N, C-alpha and C. Protein backbone atom coordinates (compact mmCIF):
# COMPACT_ATOMS: atom_id res chain seq x y z
N MET A 1 0.82 -1.15 0.04
CA MET A 1 0.01 0.08 0.02
C MET A 1 0.89 1.21 -0.02
N PHE A 2 0.33 2.32 -0.48
CA PHE A 2 1.07 3.61 -0.66
C PHE A 2 1.57 4.10 0.79
N LEU A 3 0.77 3.95 1.74
CA LEU A 3 1.16 4.37 3.11
C LEU A 3 2.33 3.73 3.62
N ASP A 4 2.52 2.41 3.19
CA ASP A 4 3.70 1.68 3.63
C ASP A 4 4.95 2.33 3.04
N ILE A 5 4.83 2.77 1.80
CA ILE A 5 5.95 3.46 1.06
C ILE A 5 6.28 4.77 1.82
N LEU A 6 5.26 5.52 2.26
CA LEU A 6 5.56 6.76 2.99
C LEU A 6 6.18 6.40 4.30
N ARG A 7 5.68 5.42 4.97
CA ARG A 7 6.24 5.10 6.33
C ARG A 7 7.73 4.65 6.22
N ALA A 8 8.06 4.01 5.14
CA ALA A 8 9.44 3.56 4.90
C ALA A 8 10.42 4.69 4.52
N ASP A 9 9.77 5.83 4.09
CA ASP A 9 10.61 7.00 3.62
C ASP A 9 10.97 7.85 4.94
N PRO A 10 12.25 8.07 5.17
CA PRO A 10 12.64 8.80 6.39
C PRO A 10 12.23 10.25 6.30
N ALA A 11 11.85 10.76 5.14
CA ALA A 11 11.44 12.18 4.98
C ALA A 11 10.03 12.37 5.61
N TYR A 12 9.25 11.33 5.83
CA TYR A 12 7.91 11.40 6.30
C TYR A 12 7.84 10.90 7.73
N ASN A 13 7.30 11.76 8.65
CA ASN A 13 7.03 11.30 9.96
C ASN A 13 5.46 11.02 10.14
N GLU A 14 5.03 10.54 11.27
CA GLU A 14 3.76 10.19 11.42
C GLU A 14 2.74 11.36 11.17
N GLU A 15 3.19 12.52 11.67
CA GLU A 15 2.34 13.70 11.52
C GLU A 15 2.17 14.07 10.11
N ASP A 16 3.23 13.94 9.25
CA ASP A 16 3.15 14.15 7.80
C ASP A 16 2.17 13.12 7.16
N ILE A 17 2.31 11.88 7.53
CA ILE A 17 1.48 10.87 6.97
C ILE A 17 -0.01 11.10 7.33
N ASP A 18 -0.24 11.51 8.56
CA ASP A 18 -1.63 11.79 9.03
C ASP A 18 -2.19 12.93 8.19
N CYS A 19 -1.40 13.98 7.97
CA CYS A 19 -1.83 15.08 7.17
C CYS A 19 -2.14 14.65 5.73
N TYR A 20 -1.23 13.90 5.20
CA TYR A 20 -1.42 13.35 3.82
C TYR A 20 -2.76 12.58 3.70
N ILE A 21 -3.03 11.77 4.67
CA ILE A 21 -4.26 10.94 4.57
C ILE A 21 -5.52 11.81 4.61
N HIS A 22 -5.55 12.82 5.46
CA HIS A 22 -6.73 13.68 5.55
C HIS A 22 -6.88 14.64 4.40
N VAL A 23 -5.78 15.13 3.92
CA VAL A 23 -5.84 16.02 2.72
C VAL A 23 -6.25 15.21 1.53
N ALA A 24 -5.75 14.03 1.36
CA ALA A 24 -6.07 13.13 0.26
C ALA A 24 -7.58 12.80 0.30
N ALA A 25 -8.12 12.55 1.47
CA ALA A 25 -9.58 12.25 1.65
C ALA A 25 -10.42 13.45 1.18
N THR A 26 -9.95 14.67 1.57
CA THR A 26 -10.70 15.92 1.17
C THR A 26 -10.66 16.08 -0.31
N ILE A 27 -9.50 15.86 -0.89
CA ILE A 27 -9.37 16.06 -2.37
C ILE A 27 -10.19 14.99 -3.08
N GLU A 28 -10.24 13.82 -2.58
CA GLU A 28 -11.11 12.76 -3.23
C GLU A 28 -12.57 13.16 -3.20
N ALA A 29 -13.06 13.78 -2.06
CA ALA A 29 -14.46 14.12 -1.92
C ALA A 29 -14.83 15.34 -2.77
N ILE A 30 -13.94 16.31 -2.80
CA ILE A 30 -14.38 17.64 -3.49
C ILE A 30 -13.49 18.02 -4.58
N GLY A 31 -12.46 17.17 -4.96
CA GLY A 31 -11.49 17.51 -6.01
C GLY A 31 -12.15 17.28 -7.39
N GLY A 32 -11.42 17.72 -8.36
CA GLY A 32 -11.94 17.56 -9.72
C GLY A 32 -12.35 18.94 -10.24
N ARG A 33 -12.62 18.98 -11.51
CA ARG A 33 -12.87 20.29 -12.16
C ARG A 33 -14.29 20.85 -11.81
N TRP A 34 -15.22 19.98 -11.57
CA TRP A 34 -16.62 20.45 -11.46
C TRP A 34 -17.28 20.39 -10.10
N LYS A 35 -16.74 19.57 -9.20
CA LYS A 35 -17.43 19.26 -7.94
C LYS A 35 -17.59 20.58 -7.09
N MET A 36 -16.57 21.40 -7.01
CA MET A 36 -16.69 22.58 -6.19
C MET A 36 -17.71 23.58 -6.80
N LEU A 37 -17.76 23.66 -8.12
CA LEU A 37 -18.71 24.50 -8.76
C LEU A 37 -20.11 23.99 -8.56
N ILE A 38 -20.29 22.71 -8.61
CA ILE A 38 -21.65 22.13 -8.32
C ILE A 38 -21.99 22.50 -6.89
N LEU A 39 -21.14 22.21 -5.94
CA LEU A 39 -21.42 22.49 -4.54
C LEU A 39 -21.69 23.94 -4.34
N TRP A 40 -20.96 24.81 -4.98
CA TRP A 40 -21.13 26.22 -4.77
C TRP A 40 -22.52 26.67 -5.18
N HIS A 41 -22.96 26.18 -6.31
CA HIS A 41 -24.35 26.47 -6.79
C HIS A 41 -25.40 25.87 -5.86
N LEU A 42 -25.14 24.68 -5.36
CA LEU A 42 -26.17 24.07 -4.52
C LEU A 42 -26.19 24.70 -3.11
N GLU A 43 -25.08 25.40 -2.71
CA GLU A 43 -25.09 26.06 -1.46
C GLU A 43 -26.14 27.16 -1.39
N GLU A 44 -26.51 27.68 -2.56
CA GLU A 44 -27.52 28.77 -2.66
C GLU A 44 -28.93 28.20 -2.55
N GLY A 45 -29.09 26.87 -2.76
CA GLY A 45 -30.37 26.24 -2.70
C GLY A 45 -30.50 25.09 -3.64
N ALA A 46 -31.62 24.38 -3.62
CA ALA A 46 -31.88 23.28 -4.49
C ALA A 46 -31.83 23.67 -5.99
N ARG A 47 -31.32 22.79 -6.80
CA ARG A 47 -31.22 23.03 -8.27
C ARG A 47 -31.65 21.78 -8.99
N ARG A 48 -32.23 21.99 -10.11
CA ARG A 48 -32.56 20.81 -11.01
C ARG A 48 -31.35 20.62 -11.90
N TYR A 49 -31.30 19.40 -12.49
CA TYR A 49 -30.16 19.00 -13.34
C TYR A 49 -29.83 20.05 -14.44
N ASN A 50 -30.94 20.40 -15.19
CA ASN A 50 -30.62 21.33 -16.31
C ASN A 50 -30.27 22.75 -15.85
N GLU A 51 -30.70 23.17 -14.68
CA GLU A 51 -30.22 24.40 -14.12
C GLU A 51 -28.74 24.38 -13.86
N LEU A 52 -28.31 23.24 -13.31
CA LEU A 52 -26.85 23.08 -13.07
C LEU A 52 -26.05 23.09 -14.45
N ARG A 53 -26.61 22.42 -15.44
CA ARG A 53 -25.95 22.43 -16.72
C ARG A 53 -25.80 23.88 -17.20
N ARG A 54 -26.84 24.61 -17.11
CA ARG A 54 -26.75 26.06 -17.59
C ARG A 54 -25.77 26.92 -16.79
N LEU A 55 -25.75 26.64 -15.51
CA LEU A 55 -24.93 27.45 -14.57
C LEU A 55 -23.44 27.13 -14.61
N ILE A 56 -23.13 25.92 -15.19
CA ILE A 56 -21.73 25.50 -15.22
C ILE A 56 -21.42 25.25 -16.75
N PRO A 57 -21.02 26.32 -17.39
CA PRO A 57 -20.69 26.16 -18.87
C PRO A 57 -19.48 25.23 -19.00
N GLY A 58 -19.58 24.37 -19.99
CA GLY A 58 -18.44 23.54 -20.33
C GLY A 58 -18.59 22.14 -19.74
N VAL A 59 -19.45 21.94 -18.74
CA VAL A 59 -19.54 20.59 -18.20
C VAL A 59 -20.42 19.74 -19.08
N SER A 60 -19.93 18.49 -19.34
CA SER A 60 -20.69 17.61 -20.24
C SER A 60 -21.78 16.92 -19.39
N GLN A 61 -22.75 16.38 -20.08
CA GLN A 61 -23.83 15.68 -19.41
C GLN A 61 -23.30 14.52 -18.61
N LYS A 62 -22.36 13.77 -19.26
CA LYS A 62 -21.78 12.58 -18.64
C LYS A 62 -21.01 13.01 -17.40
N MET A 63 -20.24 14.08 -17.46
CA MET A 63 -19.41 14.44 -16.29
C MET A 63 -20.24 15.01 -15.22
N LEU A 64 -21.26 15.83 -15.54
CA LEU A 64 -22.15 16.35 -14.45
C LEU A 64 -22.87 15.20 -13.76
N THR A 65 -23.31 14.25 -14.50
CA THR A 65 -24.04 13.08 -13.88
C THR A 65 -23.09 12.28 -12.98
N GLN A 66 -21.86 12.06 -13.45
CA GLN A 66 -20.82 11.31 -12.68
C GLN A 66 -20.44 12.12 -11.36
N GLN A 67 -20.27 13.39 -11.48
CA GLN A 67 -19.88 14.18 -10.37
C GLN A 67 -21.03 14.26 -9.36
N LEU A 68 -22.26 14.42 -9.77
CA LEU A 68 -23.42 14.43 -8.92
C LEU A 68 -23.61 13.09 -8.16
N LYS A 69 -23.34 11.95 -8.82
CA LYS A 69 -23.41 10.64 -8.19
C LYS A 69 -22.36 10.57 -7.11
N GLU A 70 -21.08 10.97 -7.38
CA GLU A 70 -20.01 10.90 -6.46
C GLU A 70 -20.31 11.81 -5.25
N LEU A 71 -20.74 13.02 -5.44
CA LEU A 71 -21.08 13.87 -4.31
C LEU A 71 -22.22 13.29 -3.49
N GLU A 72 -23.16 12.61 -4.15
CA GLU A 72 -24.25 11.99 -3.39
C GLU A 72 -23.70 10.83 -2.55
N GLN A 73 -22.84 10.01 -3.17
CA GLN A 73 -22.30 8.90 -2.45
C GLN A 73 -21.46 9.32 -1.28
N ASP A 74 -20.80 10.51 -1.31
CA ASP A 74 -20.05 10.98 -0.25
C ASP A 74 -20.88 11.67 0.79
N GLY A 75 -22.18 11.79 0.56
CA GLY A 75 -23.08 12.39 1.52
C GLY A 75 -23.05 13.94 1.52
N LEU A 76 -22.53 14.57 0.50
CA LEU A 76 -22.43 15.99 0.42
C LEU A 76 -23.70 16.64 -0.25
N ILE A 77 -24.32 15.86 -1.03
CA ILE A 77 -25.59 16.36 -1.64
C ILE A 77 -26.69 15.26 -1.49
N GLU A 78 -27.89 15.69 -1.74
CA GLU A 78 -29.04 14.76 -1.74
C GLU A 78 -29.76 14.94 -3.06
N ARG A 79 -30.20 13.81 -3.55
CA ARG A 79 -30.96 13.79 -4.80
C ARG A 79 -32.44 13.44 -4.37
N ARG A 80 -33.29 14.42 -4.65
CA ARG A 80 -34.74 14.16 -4.26
C ARG A 80 -35.56 14.11 -5.49
N VAL A 81 -36.28 12.97 -5.62
CA VAL A 81 -37.24 12.73 -6.77
C VAL A 81 -38.65 12.96 -6.26
N TYR A 82 -39.42 13.84 -6.88
CA TYR A 82 -40.73 14.19 -6.55
C TYR A 82 -41.71 13.31 -7.35
N PRO A 83 -42.75 12.71 -6.78
CA PRO A 83 -43.62 11.84 -7.47
C PRO A 83 -44.67 12.62 -8.27
N GLU A 84 -44.15 13.21 -9.35
CA GLU A 84 -44.96 13.99 -10.27
C GLU A 84 -44.82 13.36 -11.66
N MET A 85 -45.70 13.86 -12.53
CA MET A 85 -45.57 13.47 -13.91
C MET A 85 -45.36 14.71 -14.78
N PRO A 86 -44.26 14.83 -15.49
CA PRO A 86 -43.00 13.96 -15.45
C PRO A 86 -42.39 14.22 -14.06
N PRO A 87 -41.57 13.17 -13.68
CA PRO A 87 -40.86 13.29 -12.42
C PRO A 87 -39.97 14.52 -12.31
N ARG A 88 -39.96 15.14 -11.20
CA ARG A 88 -39.06 16.25 -10.95
C ARG A 88 -37.97 15.87 -10.04
N VAL A 89 -36.77 16.14 -10.42
CA VAL A 89 -35.57 15.78 -9.56
C VAL A 89 -34.84 17.04 -9.20
N GLU A 90 -34.52 17.14 -7.95
CA GLU A 90 -33.76 18.29 -7.42
C GLU A 90 -32.55 17.84 -6.70
N TYR A 91 -31.47 18.57 -6.76
CA TYR A 91 -30.27 18.27 -5.93
C TYR A 91 -30.15 19.35 -4.98
N MET A 92 -29.71 18.98 -3.72
CA MET A 92 -29.50 20.01 -2.72
C MET A 92 -28.39 19.52 -1.77
N MET A 93 -27.76 20.47 -1.08
CA MET A 93 -26.66 20.19 -0.18
C MET A 93 -27.27 19.57 1.08
N THR A 94 -26.56 18.60 1.63
CA THR A 94 -26.99 18.02 2.91
C THR A 94 -26.39 18.87 4.02
N ASP A 95 -26.78 18.65 5.20
CA ASP A 95 -26.19 19.42 6.35
C ASP A 95 -24.72 19.16 6.39
N TYR A 96 -24.27 17.94 6.11
CA TYR A 96 -22.85 17.60 6.01
C TYR A 96 -22.17 18.37 4.98
N GLY A 97 -22.77 18.49 3.80
CA GLY A 97 -22.23 19.28 2.67
C GLY A 97 -22.01 20.75 3.07
N LYS A 98 -22.96 21.26 3.84
CA LYS A 98 -22.91 22.65 4.19
C LYS A 98 -21.73 22.98 5.09
N THR A 99 -21.06 21.91 5.67
CA THR A 99 -19.91 22.21 6.49
C THR A 99 -18.74 22.68 5.63
N LEU A 100 -18.90 22.58 4.26
CA LEU A 100 -17.84 23.07 3.37
C LEU A 100 -17.86 24.59 3.21
N ALA A 101 -18.90 25.31 3.75
CA ALA A 101 -19.05 26.80 3.53
C ALA A 101 -17.83 27.53 3.83
N PRO A 102 -17.02 27.25 4.91
CA PRO A 102 -15.82 28.07 5.13
C PRO A 102 -14.77 27.86 4.11
N ILE A 103 -14.80 26.62 3.44
CA ILE A 103 -13.85 26.38 2.30
C ILE A 103 -14.19 27.26 1.10
N PHE A 104 -15.48 27.50 0.81
CA PHE A 104 -15.87 28.33 -0.27
C PHE A 104 -15.46 29.73 -0.01
N ASP A 105 -15.61 30.24 1.20
CA ASP A 105 -15.18 31.61 1.54
C ASP A 105 -13.64 31.76 1.34
N ILE A 106 -12.93 30.82 1.84
CA ILE A 106 -11.46 30.90 1.66
C ILE A 106 -11.05 30.82 0.19
N MET A 107 -11.72 29.86 -0.58
CA MET A 107 -11.32 29.82 -2.05
C MET A 107 -11.72 31.06 -2.72
N TYR A 108 -12.83 31.68 -2.43
CA TYR A 108 -13.26 32.97 -3.03
C TYR A 108 -12.14 34.03 -2.77
N GLU A 109 -11.89 34.17 -1.46
CA GLU A 109 -10.82 35.23 -1.12
C GLU A 109 -9.52 34.96 -1.83
N TRP A 110 -9.12 33.70 -1.83
CA TRP A 110 -7.78 33.41 -2.49
C TRP A 110 -7.89 33.67 -4.00
N GLY A 111 -9.01 33.37 -4.54
CA GLY A 111 -9.21 33.57 -6.01
C GLY A 111 -9.16 35.04 -6.37
N VAL A 112 -9.72 35.93 -5.52
CA VAL A 112 -9.63 37.35 -5.78
C VAL A 112 -8.15 37.75 -5.74
N ILE A 113 -7.41 37.37 -4.71
CA ILE A 113 -5.99 37.76 -4.61
C ILE A 113 -5.20 37.19 -5.78
N HIS A 114 -5.50 35.93 -6.18
CA HIS A 114 -4.77 35.31 -7.29
C HIS A 114 -5.01 36.08 -8.65
N ARG A 115 -6.35 36.40 -8.85
CA ARG A 115 -6.60 37.09 -10.10
C ARG A 115 -5.91 38.46 -10.15
N LEU A 116 -5.97 39.17 -9.04
CA LEU A 116 -5.28 40.51 -8.97
C LEU A 116 -3.77 40.34 -9.24
N ARG A 117 -3.22 39.35 -8.62
CA ARG A 117 -1.75 39.08 -8.83
C ARG A 117 -1.42 38.82 -10.26
N LYS A 118 -2.24 38.00 -10.88
CA LYS A 118 -2.02 37.63 -12.30
C LYS A 118 -2.21 38.85 -13.17
N SER A 119 -3.19 39.67 -12.92
CA SER A 119 -3.42 40.91 -13.73
C SER A 119 -2.37 41.94 -13.60
N ASN A 120 -1.63 41.91 -12.47
CA ASN A 120 -0.60 42.91 -12.23
C ASN A 120 0.80 42.46 -12.82
N LYS A 121 0.87 41.38 -13.39
CA LYS A 121 2.14 40.85 -13.90
C LYS A 121 2.39 41.42 -15.26
């Protein structure tokens, strides 16, 4: 296993390995090109699939579907199907997903600084 390789490397101590494990788990849950944008839009409230497609230019149907399934499996969002004809499906953040709010704030602030820095070069 990869952790065995890290443990055998003298450059890594147990604190580094612990940090690696937790950061890797976070990246697995919210990493990728589209997940944070999906979550950001869902933080504002429930959205239907086609709303998300319009709000996230460039995401393919296949990728949006895949990312929504992964976010649901990780318990960050909920998919709610309403018994109507035709069926209405909405996606919303779970209470657990809402714990990511501070990360959105930090990413926004960092993005502002980064864009300013890039424009001043």
